[in-house]
């Protein structure tokens, strides 16, 4: 499939997506581990001072922090999946095609959000 975009434009978008992928993976590795059996990321329990007296307040704080990590992991994983999807479209020659209309996505939209899947 022929592309609507110049080779330079496509190369710049691909490089940006690869940079984003590396950053997202680095962020995920700091707060999660990849679970090969499920194919997804699992949030790590935040580190707390060892040897401190455990009380209900501390347990609540730990639970809240884990929930925050889980939400962060979910957001980062969603972004990573979008980037991976966009990179896969380069291989199939469909990068830049709107998944709804089939039209070409505007270059300005792809510059602002290289993983865009739709025209708007």
N, C-alpha and C. Protein backbone atom coordinates (compact mmCIF):
# COMPACT_ATOMS: atom_id res chain seq x y z
N UNK A 1 0.85 -1.19 0.00
CA UNK A 1 0.00 0.00 0.00
C UNK A 1 0.89 1.24 0.00
N UNK A 2 0.62 2.14 -0.91
CA UNK A 2 1.38 3.39 -0.98
C UNK A 2 0.95 4.33 0.13
N UNK A 3 1.91 5.10 0.62
CA UNK A 3 1.63 6.04 1.68
C UNK A 3 1.34 7.42 1.11
N UNK A 4 0.53 8.13 1.80
CA UNK A 4 0.16 9.50 1.48
C UNK A 4 1.24 10.48 1.93
N UNK A 5 2.11 10.05 2.80
CA UNK A 5 3.10 10.92 3.45
C UNK A 5 4.49 10.75 2.84
N UNK A 6 5.32 11.78 3.03
CA UNK A 6 6.69 11.71 2.53
C UNK A 6 7.49 10.71 3.39
N UNK A 7 8.54 10.13 2.80
CA UNK A 7 9.38 9.21 3.57
C UNK A 7 9.98 9.87 4.82
N UNK A 8 10.35 11.15 4.71
CA UNK A 8 10.92 11.86 5.86
C UNK A 8 9.88 12.00 6.98
N UNK A 9 8.65 12.35 6.61
CA UNK A 9 7.58 12.49 7.60
C UNK A 9 7.36 11.16 8.31
N UNK A 10 7.31 10.08 7.55
CA UNK A 10 7.10 8.76 8.14
C UNK A 10 8.26 8.37 9.07
N UNK A 11 9.49 8.65 8.62
CA UNK A 11 10.65 8.32 9.45
C UNK A 11 10.63 9.10 10.77
N UNK A 12 10.25 10.37 10.71
CA UNK A 12 10.17 11.19 11.93
C UNK A 12 9.11 10.64 12.88
N UNK A 13 7.97 10.24 12.35
CA UNK A 13 6.90 9.69 13.21
C UNK A 13 7.35 8.37 13.83
N UNK A 14 8.01 7.54 13.03
CA UNK A 14 8.48 6.25 13.54
C UNK A 14 9.51 6.44 14.64
N UNK A 15 10.44 7.36 14.43
CA UNK A 15 11.46 7.64 15.45
C UNK A 15 10.81 8.15 16.73
N UNK A 16 9.81 9.01 16.60
CA UNK A 16 9.10 9.53 17.78
C UNK A 16 8.38 8.39 18.51
N UNK A 17 7.75 7.51 17.76
CA UNK A 17 7.06 6.37 18.39
C UNK A 17 8.05 5.45 19.10
N UNK A 18 9.19 5.21 18.50
CA UNK A 18 10.21 4.37 19.14
C UNK A 18 10.74 5.03 20.42
N UNK A 19 10.90 6.35 20.39
CA UNK A 19 11.34 7.09 21.59
C UNK A 19 10.29 6.97 22.69
N UNK A 20 9.01 7.16 22.31
CA UNK A 20 7.93 7.04 23.28
C UNK A 20 7.87 5.64 23.86
N UNK A 21 8.05 4.63 23.01
CA UNK A 21 8.02 3.23 23.47
C UNK A 21 9.10 3.00 24.52
N UNK A 22 10.31 3.47 24.26
CA UNK A 22 11.42 3.30 25.20
C UNK A 22 11.12 4.00 26.53
N UNK A 23 10.58 5.20 26.46
CA UNK A 23 10.25 5.95 27.69
C UNK A 23 9.16 5.25 28.49
N UNK A 24 8.12 4.79 27.81
CA UNK A 24 7.02 4.09 28.49
C UNK A 24 7.51 2.81 29.14
N UNK A 25 8.34 2.04 28.44
CA UNK A 25 8.87 0.81 29.00
C UNK A 25 9.75 1.09 30.21
N UNK A 26 10.53 2.16 30.14
CA UNK A 26 11.39 2.53 31.27
C UNK A 26 10.53 2.91 32.49
N UNK A 27 9.49 3.70 32.26
CA UNK A 27 8.59 4.08 33.36
C UNK A 27 7.91 2.84 33.96
N UNK A 28 7.46 1.95 33.11
CA UNK A 28 6.79 0.74 33.60
C UNK A 28 7.74 -0.12 34.43
N UNK A 29 8.98 -0.25 33.99
CA UNK A 29 9.95 -1.08 34.71
C UNK A 29 10.25 -0.54 36.10
N UNK A 30 10.02 0.74 36.32
CA UNK A 30 10.27 1.33 37.63
C UNK A 30 9.16 1.02 38.62
N UNK A 31 7.94 0.78 38.15
CA UNK A 31 6.81 0.59 39.07
C UNK A 31 6.06 -0.72 38.85
N UNK A 32 6.55 -1.54 37.89
CA UNK A 32 5.83 -2.77 37.58
C UNK A 32 6.80 -3.82 37.07
N UNK A 33 6.28 -5.03 36.94
CA UNK A 33 7.04 -6.10 36.31
C UNK A 33 6.15 -6.70 35.24
N UNK A 34 6.78 -7.20 34.16
CA UNK A 34 6.01 -7.80 33.08
C UNK A 34 5.72 -9.24 33.44
N UNK A 35 4.46 -9.60 33.40
CA UNK A 35 4.02 -10.96 33.71
C UNK A 35 3.85 -11.71 32.38
N UNK A 36 4.80 -12.59 32.10
CA UNK A 36 4.78 -13.29 30.82
C UNK A 36 3.57 -14.21 30.67
N UNK A 37 3.06 -14.73 31.77
CA UNK A 37 1.91 -15.63 31.66
C UNK A 37 0.64 -14.90 31.23
N UNK A 38 0.48 -13.64 31.67
CA UNK A 38 -0.72 -12.88 31.29
C UNK A 38 -0.44 -11.93 30.12
N UNK A 39 0.84 -11.68 29.86
CA UNK A 39 1.19 -10.76 28.78
C UNK A 39 0.92 -9.31 29.13
N UNK A 40 0.88 -9.01 30.43
CA UNK A 40 0.61 -7.63 30.85
C UNK A 40 1.54 -7.26 32.01
N UNK A 41 1.48 -5.99 32.38
CA UNK A 41 2.31 -5.47 33.46
C UNK A 41 1.54 -5.53 34.78
N UNK A 42 2.25 -5.89 35.85
CA UNK A 42 1.67 -5.94 37.19
C UNK A 42 2.39 -4.94 38.08
N UNK A 43 1.61 -4.11 38.77
CA UNK A 43 2.19 -3.08 39.63
C UNK A 43 2.95 -3.71 40.79
N UNK A 44 4.09 -3.11 41.12
CA UNK A 44 4.86 -3.54 42.28
C UNK A 44 4.36 -2.82 43.52
N UNK A 45 4.46 -3.49 44.63
CA UNK A 45 4.12 -2.87 45.92
C UNK A 45 5.14 -1.77 46.18
N UNK A 46 4.70 -0.55 46.47
CA UNK A 46 5.65 0.52 46.78
C UNK A 46 6.51 0.16 47.99
N UNK A 47 7.75 0.63 47.98
CA UNK A 47 8.67 0.38 49.09
C UNK A 47 8.31 1.25 50.29
N UNK A 48 8.37 0.64 51.46
CA UNK A 48 8.14 1.37 52.70
C UNK A 48 9.27 1.05 53.65
N UNK A 49 9.44 1.92 54.63
CA UNK A 49 10.48 1.72 55.63
C UNK A 49 10.25 0.41 56.34
N UNK A 50 11.29 -0.41 56.37
CA UNK A 50 11.15 -1.66 57.10
C UNK A 50 11.39 -1.40 58.58
N UNK A 51 10.76 -2.19 59.41
CA UNK A 51 10.94 -2.07 60.84
C UNK A 51 10.05 -1.05 61.49
N UNK A 52 9.23 -0.34 60.72
CA UNK A 52 8.34 0.63 61.34
C UNK A 52 7.11 -0.09 61.89
N UNK A 53 6.54 0.48 62.91
CA UNK A 53 5.37 -0.11 63.52
C UNK A 53 4.22 -0.07 62.53
N UNK A 54 3.59 -1.21 62.33
CA UNK A 54 2.46 -1.24 61.41
C UNK A 54 1.19 -0.95 62.19
N UNK A 55 0.43 -0.02 61.67
CA UNK A 55 -0.87 0.25 62.25
C UNK A 55 -1.86 0.42 61.10
N UNK A 56 -3.10 0.64 61.41
CA UNK A 56 -4.13 0.72 60.38
C UNK A 56 -3.87 1.87 59.41
N UNK A 57 -3.34 2.97 59.92
CA UNK A 57 -3.06 4.11 59.07
C UNK A 57 -2.01 3.77 58.02
N UNK A 58 -0.94 3.11 58.44
CA UNK A 58 0.12 2.74 57.50
C UNK A 58 -0.40 1.73 56.48
N UNK A 59 -1.20 0.76 56.93
CA UNK A 59 -1.75 -0.23 56.01
C UNK A 59 -2.64 0.45 54.98
N UNK A 60 -3.40 1.45 55.41
CA UNK A 60 -4.24 2.20 54.48
C UNK A 60 -3.42 2.97 53.48
N UNK A 61 -2.32 3.57 53.96
CA UNK A 61 -1.43 4.31 53.06
C UNK A 61 -0.81 3.38 52.02
N UNK A 62 -0.38 2.19 52.45
CA UNK A 62 0.21 1.22 51.53
C UNK A 62 -0.81 0.77 50.49
N UNK A 63 -2.02 0.53 50.93
CA UNK A 63 -3.07 0.10 50.01
C UNK A 63 -3.38 1.19 48.99
N UNK A 64 -3.45 2.42 49.45
CA UNK A 64 -3.72 3.55 48.57
C UNK A 64 -2.59 3.73 47.57
N UNK A 65 -1.34 3.60 48.03
CA UNK A 65 -0.19 3.74 47.15
C UNK A 65 -0.18 2.64 46.09
N UNK A 66 -0.53 1.41 46.47
CA UNK A 66 -0.58 0.32 45.50
C UNK A 66 -1.68 0.59 44.46
N UNK A 67 -2.81 1.09 44.91
CA UNK A 67 -3.88 1.41 43.96
C UNK A 67 -3.44 2.50 42.98
N UNK A 68 -2.70 3.48 43.48
CA UNK A 68 -2.17 4.53 42.61
C UNK A 68 -1.21 3.95 41.58
N UNK A 69 -0.33 3.03 42.05
CA UNK A 69 0.61 2.37 41.14
C UNK A 69 -0.15 1.57 40.08
N UNK A 70 -1.20 0.86 40.51
CA UNK A 70 -1.98 0.06 39.56
C UNK A 70 -2.63 0.95 38.50
N UNK A 71 -3.12 2.11 38.91
CA UNK A 71 -3.72 3.05 37.95
C UNK A 71 -2.65 3.59 36.99
N UNK A 72 -1.48 3.92 37.52
CA UNK A 72 -0.38 4.41 36.68
C UNK A 72 0.03 3.34 35.67
N UNK A 73 0.14 2.10 36.15
CA UNK A 73 0.53 0.99 35.28
C UNK A 73 -0.49 0.82 34.16
N UNK A 74 -1.77 0.87 34.50
CA UNK A 74 -2.82 0.72 33.50
C UNK A 74 -2.73 1.81 32.44
N UNK A 75 -2.51 3.05 32.86
CA UNK A 75 -2.38 4.17 31.91
C UNK A 75 -1.15 4.01 31.02
N UNK A 76 -0.02 3.66 31.64
CA UNK A 76 1.21 3.49 30.86
C UNK A 76 1.09 2.32 29.89
N UNK A 77 0.48 1.23 30.35
CA UNK A 77 0.32 0.06 29.50
C UNK A 77 -0.60 0.37 28.32
N UNK A 78 -1.65 1.13 28.55
CA UNK A 78 -2.55 1.54 27.47
C UNK A 78 -1.79 2.36 26.44
N UNK A 79 -0.99 3.32 26.91
CA UNK A 79 -0.19 4.15 26.00
C UNK A 79 0.80 3.30 25.22
N UNK A 80 1.45 2.36 25.90
CA UNK A 80 2.41 1.48 25.23
C UNK A 80 1.72 0.64 24.16
N UNK A 81 0.54 0.14 24.45
CA UNK A 81 -0.21 -0.64 23.46
C UNK A 81 -0.56 0.21 22.23
N UNK A 82 -0.92 1.47 22.45
CA UNK A 82 -1.23 2.37 21.34
C UNK A 82 0.01 2.61 20.47
N UNK A 83 1.15 2.80 21.12
CA UNK A 83 2.40 3.00 20.38
C UNK A 83 2.76 1.73 19.61
N UNK A 84 2.65 0.57 20.25
CA UNK A 84 2.94 -0.70 19.57
C UNK A 84 2.02 -0.90 18.37
N UNK A 85 0.75 -0.55 18.53
CA UNK A 85 -0.21 -0.66 17.44
C UNK A 85 0.21 0.22 16.27
N UNK A 86 0.62 1.45 16.56
CA UNK A 86 1.05 2.37 15.50
C UNK A 86 2.31 1.84 14.80
N UNK A 87 3.25 1.31 15.58
CA UNK A 87 4.47 0.76 14.97
C UNK A 87 4.15 -0.45 14.09
N UNK A 88 3.18 -1.26 14.48
CA UNK A 88 2.78 -2.41 13.67
C UNK A 88 2.18 -1.95 12.34
N UNK A 89 1.54 -0.79 12.35
CA UNK A 89 0.95 -0.27 11.11
C UNK A 89 2.03 0.13 10.11
N UNK A 90 3.21 0.49 10.59
CA UNK A 90 4.31 0.78 9.67
C UNK A 90 4.64 -0.48 8.88
N UNK A 91 4.68 -1.61 9.58
CA UNK A 91 5.03 -2.87 8.93
C UNK A 91 3.99 -3.30 7.90
N UNK A 92 2.73 -3.00 8.17
CA UNK A 92 1.66 -3.41 7.25
C UNK A 92 1.37 -2.36 6.18
N UNK A 93 2.00 -1.18 6.31
CA UNK A 93 1.78 -0.12 5.34
C UNK A 93 0.50 0.67 5.56
N UNK A 94 -0.11 0.50 6.71
CA UNK A 94 -1.38 1.20 6.97
C UNK A 94 -1.24 2.36 7.94
N UNK A 95 0.00 2.74 8.27
CA UNK A 95 0.19 3.85 9.20
C UNK A 95 -0.41 5.12 8.62
N UNK A 96 -1.20 5.83 9.42
CA UNK A 96 -1.78 7.10 9.02
C UNK A 96 -3.18 6.99 8.46
N UNK A 97 -3.68 5.78 8.33
CA UNK A 97 -5.05 5.58 7.85
C UNK A 97 -6.01 5.58 9.04
N UNK A 98 -7.08 6.34 8.92
CA UNK A 98 -8.11 6.40 9.96
C UNK A 98 -8.79 5.03 10.05
N UNK A 99 -8.90 4.52 11.26
CA UNK A 99 -9.53 3.22 11.46
C UNK A 99 -11.04 3.26 11.28
N UNK A 100 -11.62 4.45 11.26
CA UNK A 100 -13.07 4.59 11.09
C UNK A 100 -13.42 4.83 9.63
N UNK A 101 -12.82 5.86 9.04
CA UNK A 101 -13.21 6.25 7.67
C UNK A 101 -12.30 5.68 6.59
N UNK A 102 -11.08 5.32 6.95
CA UNK A 102 -10.12 4.86 5.96
C UNK A 102 -9.37 5.99 5.28
N UNK A 103 -9.73 7.24 5.61
CA UNK A 103 -9.05 8.41 5.06
C UNK A 103 -7.68 8.56 5.71
N UNK A 104 -6.85 9.37 5.07
CA UNK A 104 -5.54 9.68 5.67
C UNK A 104 -5.72 10.65 6.82
N UNK A 105 -5.04 10.41 7.92
CA UNK A 105 -5.06 11.29 9.08
C UNK A 105 -4.20 12.51 8.75
N UNK A 106 -4.66 13.67 9.15
CA UNK A 106 -3.95 14.92 8.90
C UNK A 106 -2.55 14.87 9.52
N UNK A 107 -1.57 15.38 8.79
CA UNK A 107 -0.18 15.37 9.26
C UNK A 107 -0.03 16.09 10.59
N UNK A 108 -0.72 17.21 10.78
CA UNK A 108 -0.59 17.94 12.04
C UNK A 108 -1.06 17.08 13.22
N UNK A 109 -2.09 16.29 13.01
CA UNK A 109 -2.57 15.40 14.08
C UNK A 109 -1.52 14.34 14.39
N UNK A 110 -0.91 13.78 13.36
CA UNK A 110 0.11 12.76 13.59
C UNK A 110 1.38 13.35 14.20
N UNK A 111 1.67 14.61 13.89
CA UNK A 111 2.82 15.27 14.53
C UNK A 111 2.56 15.44 16.02
N UNK A 112 1.33 15.82 16.35
CA UNK A 112 0.98 16.05 17.75
C UNK A 112 0.81 14.72 18.51
N UNK A 113 0.29 13.71 17.81
CA UNK A 113 0.01 12.42 18.45
C UNK A 113 0.30 11.31 17.44
N UNK A 114 1.56 10.86 17.34
CA UNK A 114 1.95 9.89 16.33
C UNK A 114 1.19 8.56 16.39
N UNK A 115 0.60 8.22 17.52
CA UNK A 115 -0.13 6.96 17.66
C UNK A 115 -1.61 7.11 17.32
N UNK A 116 -2.01 8.24 16.75
CA UNK A 116 -3.41 8.48 16.42
C UNK A 116 -3.96 7.36 15.54
N UNK A 117 -5.18 6.93 15.88
CA UNK A 117 -5.82 5.84 15.13
C UNK A 117 -6.98 6.35 14.27
N UNK A 118 -7.43 7.55 14.56
CA UNK A 118 -8.57 8.10 13.84
C UNK A 118 -8.29 9.54 13.42
N UNK A 119 -9.11 10.02 12.50
CA UNK A 119 -8.93 11.39 11.99
C UNK A 119 -9.16 12.43 13.10
N UNK A 120 -10.16 12.24 13.92
CA UNK A 120 -10.41 13.17 15.03
C UNK A 120 -10.79 12.42 16.27
